[in-house]
C-alpha atoms as a PDB file:
ATOM      1  CA  UNK A   1       0.000   0.000   0.000  1.00  0.00           C
ATOM      2  CA  UNK A   2       1.277   3.453  -0.884  1.00  0.00           C
ATOM      3  CA  UNK A   3       1.739   6.062   1.805  1.00  0.00           C
ATOM      4  CA  UNK A   4      -0.249   9.309   1.635  1.00  0.00           C
ATOM      5  CA  UNK A   5       2.982  11.211   0.886  1.00  0.00           C
ATOM      6  CA  UNK A   6       3.694   8.914  -2.044  1.00  0.00           C
ATOM      7  CA  UNK A   7       0.144   9.290  -3.370  1.00  0.00           C
ATOM      8  CA  UNK A   8       0.358  13.083  -3.078  1.00  0.00           C
ATOM      9  CA  UNK A   9       3.722  13.091  -4.832  1.00  0.00           C
ATOM     10  CA  UNK A  10       2.339  10.973  -7.668  1.00  0.00           C
ATOM     11  CA  UNK A  11      -0.721  13.219  -7.992  1.00  0.00           C
ATOM     12  CA  UNK A  12       1.416  16.356  -8.132  1.00  0.00           C
ATOM     13  CA  UNK A  13       3.774  14.736 -10.622  1.00  0.00           C
ATOM     14  CA  UNK A  14       0.890  13.674 -12.838  1.00  0.00           C
ATOM     15  CA  UNK A  15      -0.555  17.178 -12.646  1.00  0.00           C
ATOM     16  CA  UNK A  16       2.820  18.644 -13.590  1.00  0.00           C
ATOM     17  CA  UNK A  17       2.898  16.362 -16.638  1.00  0.00           C
ATOM     18  CA  UNK A  18      -0.729  16.847 -17.673  1.00  0.00           C
ATOM     19  CA  UNK A  19      -0.861  20.627 -17.339  1.00  0.00           C
ATOM     20  CA  UNK A  20       1.723  21.394 -20.072  1.00  0.00           C
ATOM     21  CA  UNK A  21       0.181  18.699 -22.273  1.00  0.00           C
ATOM     22  CA  UNK A  22      -3.281  20.216 -21.950  1.00  0.00           C
ATOM     23  CA  UNK A  23      -1.875  23.710 -22.528  1.00  0.00           C
ATOM     24  CA  UNK A  24      -0.043  22.560 -25.667  1.00  0.00           C
ATOM     25  CA  UNK A  25      -3.114  20.830 -27.078  1.00  0.00           C
ATOM     26  CA  UNK A  26      -5.265  23.831 -26.238  1.00  0.00           C
ATOM     27  CA  UNK A  27      -2.798  26.200 -27.940  1.00  0.00           C
ATOM     28  CA  UNK A  28      -2.899  24.080 -31.084  1.00  0.00           C
ATOM     29  CA  UNK A  29      -6.702  24.007 -31.212  1.00  0.00           C
ATOM     30  CA  UNK A  30      -7.351  27.730 -30.689  1.00  0.00           C
ATOM     31  CA  UNK A  31      -8.324  29.627 -33.846  1.00  0.00           C
ATOM     32  CA  UNK A  32      -5.807  31.942 -35.505  1.00  0.00           C
ATOM     33  CA  UNK A  33      -5.648  35.435 -34.065  1.00  0.00           C
ATOM     34  CA  UNK A  34      -8.302  37.791 -35.309  1.00  0.00           C
ATOM     35  CA  UNK A  35      -7.547  41.267 -36.667  1.00  0.00           C
ATOM     36  CA  UNK A  36      -7.137  43.923 -33.963  1.00  0.00           C
ATOM     37  CA  UNK A  37     -10.564  45.415 -34.662  1.00  0.00           C
ATOM     38  CA  UNK A  38     -12.271  42.127 -33.851  1.00  0.00           C
ATOM     39  CA  UNK A  39     -10.165  41.259 -30.802  1.00  0.00           C
ATOM     40  CA  UNK A  40     -11.671  44.109 -28.787  1.00  0.00           C
ATOM     41  CA  UNK A  41     -15.221  42.948 -29.457  1.00  0.00           C
ATOM     42  CA  UNK A  42     -16.794  40.849 -26.753  1.00  0.00           C
ATOM     43  CA  UNK A  43     -18.578  37.686 -27.817  1.00  0.00           C
ATOM     44  CA  UNK A  44     -22.356  37.859 -27.597  1.00  0.00           C
ATOM     45  CA  UNK A  45     -23.795  36.885 -24.251  1.00  0.00           C
ATOM     46  CA  UNK A  46     -25.053  33.300 -24.237  1.00  0.00           C
ATOM     47  CA  UNK A  47     -28.786  32.765 -23.894  1.00  0.00           C
ATOM     48  CA  UNK A  48     -30.078  32.515 -20.337  1.00  0.00           C
ATOM     49  CA  UNK A  49     -30.976  28.848 -20.799  1.00  0.00           C
ATOM     50  CA  UNK A  50     -27.351  27.991 -21.619  1.00  0.00           C
ATOM     51  CA  UNK A  51     -26.212  29.816 -18.493  1.00  0.00           C
ATOM     52  CA  UNK A  52     -28.637  27.764 -16.407  1.00  0.00           C
ATOM     53  CA  UNK A  53     -27.496  24.506 -17.988  1.00  0.00           C
ATOM     54  CA  UNK A  54     -23.860  25.199 -17.095  1.00  0.00           C
ATOM     55  CA  UNK A  55     -24.502  26.714 -13.677  1.00  0.00           C
ATOM     56  CA  UNK A  56     -24.000  23.384 -11.862  1.00  0.00           C
ATOM     57  CA  UNK A  57     -20.726  22.694 -13.646  1.00  0.00           C
ATOM     58  CA  UNK A  58     -19.580  26.257 -13.094  1.00  0.00           C
ATOM     59  CA  UNK A  59     -20.516  26.062  -9.407  1.00  0.00           C
ATOM     60  CA  UNK A  60     -18.693  22.746  -8.988  1.00  0.00           C
ATOM     61  CA  UNK A  61     -15.641  24.204 -10.740  1.00  0.00           C
ATOM     62  CA  UNK A  62     -15.711  27.274  -8.478  1.00  0.00           C
ATOM     63  CA  UNK A  63     -16.050  25.187  -5.311  1.00  0.00           C
ATOM     64  CA  UNK A  64     -13.462  22.526  -6.131  1.00  0.00           C
ATOM     65  CA  UNK A  65     -11.198  23.309  -9.063  1.00  0.00           C
ATOM     66  CA  UNK A  66     -10.694  27.071  -8.834  1.00  0.00           C
ATOM     67  CA  UNK A  67      -8.518  26.680  -5.754  1.00  0.00           C
ATOM     68  CA  UNK A  68      -5.713  25.520  -8.048  1.00  0.00           C
ATOM     69  CA  UNK A  69      -6.916  26.151 -11.618  1.00  0.00           C
ATOM     70  CA  UNK A  70      -8.415  28.952 -13.696  1.00  0.00           C
ATOM     71  CA  UNK A  71     -11.448  28.181 -15.821  1.00  0.00           C
ATOM     72  CA  UNK A  72     -10.386  27.027 -19.284  1.00  0.00           C
ATOM     73  CA  UNK A  73     -11.595  28.742 -22.436  1.00  0.00           C
ATOM     74  CA  UNK A  74     -12.428  25.313 -23.751  1.00  0.00           C
ATOM     75  CA  UNK A  75     -11.003  21.834 -23.915  1.00  0.00           C
ATOM     76  CA  UNK A  76     -11.326  19.332 -26.710  1.00  0.00           C
ATOM     77  CA  UNK A  77     -13.740  16.675 -25.378  1.00  0.00           C
ATOM     78  CA  UNK A  78     -11.022  13.995 -25.427  1.00  0.00           C
ATOM     79  CA  UNK A  79      -8.695  16.078 -23.243  1.00  0.00           C
ATOM     80  CA  UNK A  80     -11.386  17.327 -20.859  1.00  0.00           C
ATOM     81  CA  UNK A  81     -12.627  13.780 -20.286  1.00  0.00           C
ATOM     82  CA  UNK A  82      -9.136  12.630 -19.334  1.00  0.00           C
ATOM     83  CA  UNK A  83      -8.451  15.612 -17.085  1.00  0.00           C
ATOM     84  CA  UNK A  84     -11.811  15.407 -15.290  1.00  0.00           C
ATOM     85  CA  UNK A  85     -11.471  11.641 -14.823  1.00  0.00           C
ATOM     86  CA  UNK A  86      -8.036  12.044 -13.194  1.00  0.00           C
ATOM     87  CA  UNK A  87      -9.109  14.978 -11.051  1.00  0.00           C
ATOM     88  CA  UNK A  88     -12.308  13.232  -9.980  1.00  0.00           C
ATOM     89  CA  UNK A  89     -10.190  10.708  -8.093  1.00  0.00           C
ATOM     90  CA  UNK A  90      -7.835  13.301  -6.627  1.00  0.00           C
ATOM     91  CA  UNK A  91     -10.513  15.802  -5.606  1.00  0.00           C
ATOM     92  CA  UNK A  92     -12.966  13.080  -4.517  1.00  0.00           C
ATOM     93  CA  UNK A  93     -15.734  14.312  -6.821  1.00  0.00           C
ATOM     94  CA  UNK A  94     -18.961  12.404  -7.364  1.00  0.00           C
ATOM     95  CA  UNK A  95     -19.989  10.996 -10.726  1.00  0.00           C
ATOM     96  CA  UNK A  96     -22.634  13.747 -10.938  1.00  0.00           C
ATOM     97  CA  UNK A  97     -19.910  16.364 -10.401  1.00  0.00           C
ATOM     98  CA  UNK A  98     -17.805  14.758 -13.142  1.00  0.00           C
ATOM     99  CA  UNK A  99     -20.728  14.849 -15.599  1.00  0.00           C
ATOM    100  CA  UNK A 100     -21.558  18.485 -14.795  1.00  0.00           C
ATOM    101  CA  UNK A 101     -17.913  19.528 -15.187  1.00  0.00           C
ATOM    102  CA  UNK A 102     -17.771  17.842 -18.587  1.00  0.00           C
ATOM    103  CA  UNK A 103     -20.900  19.754 -19.638  1.00  0.00           C
ATOM    104  CA  UNK A 104     -19.310  22.976 -18.369  1.00  0.00           C
ATOM    105  CA  UNK A 105     -16.050  22.357 -20.264  1.00  0.00           C
ATOM    106  CA  UNK A 106     -17.807  21.211 -23.465  1.00  0.00           C
ATOM    107  CA  UNK A 107     -20.988  23.265 -23.940  1.00  0.00           C
END
């Protein structure tokens, strides 16, 4: 059986490996930069129904994940599924929390 220190060390090591990987994949999937005139424009506000759908995932993120992480602009579904699955174990999240986070990351 692994000691709590060993488990924590493994979790931190895995996080240190996954974070750059996720950042690299995210950087490759973001659209090319827009002209300066369009960069200053804010995207249209999402409909109220969309905000309600993601409120649980956003709340769960704020209560659990935001202690260590900033909210992502978006993850590819394959990456977000892997990240949430690993963090579910480490943060002791329920299956419901995992599902809501996936909806929040992948609207």
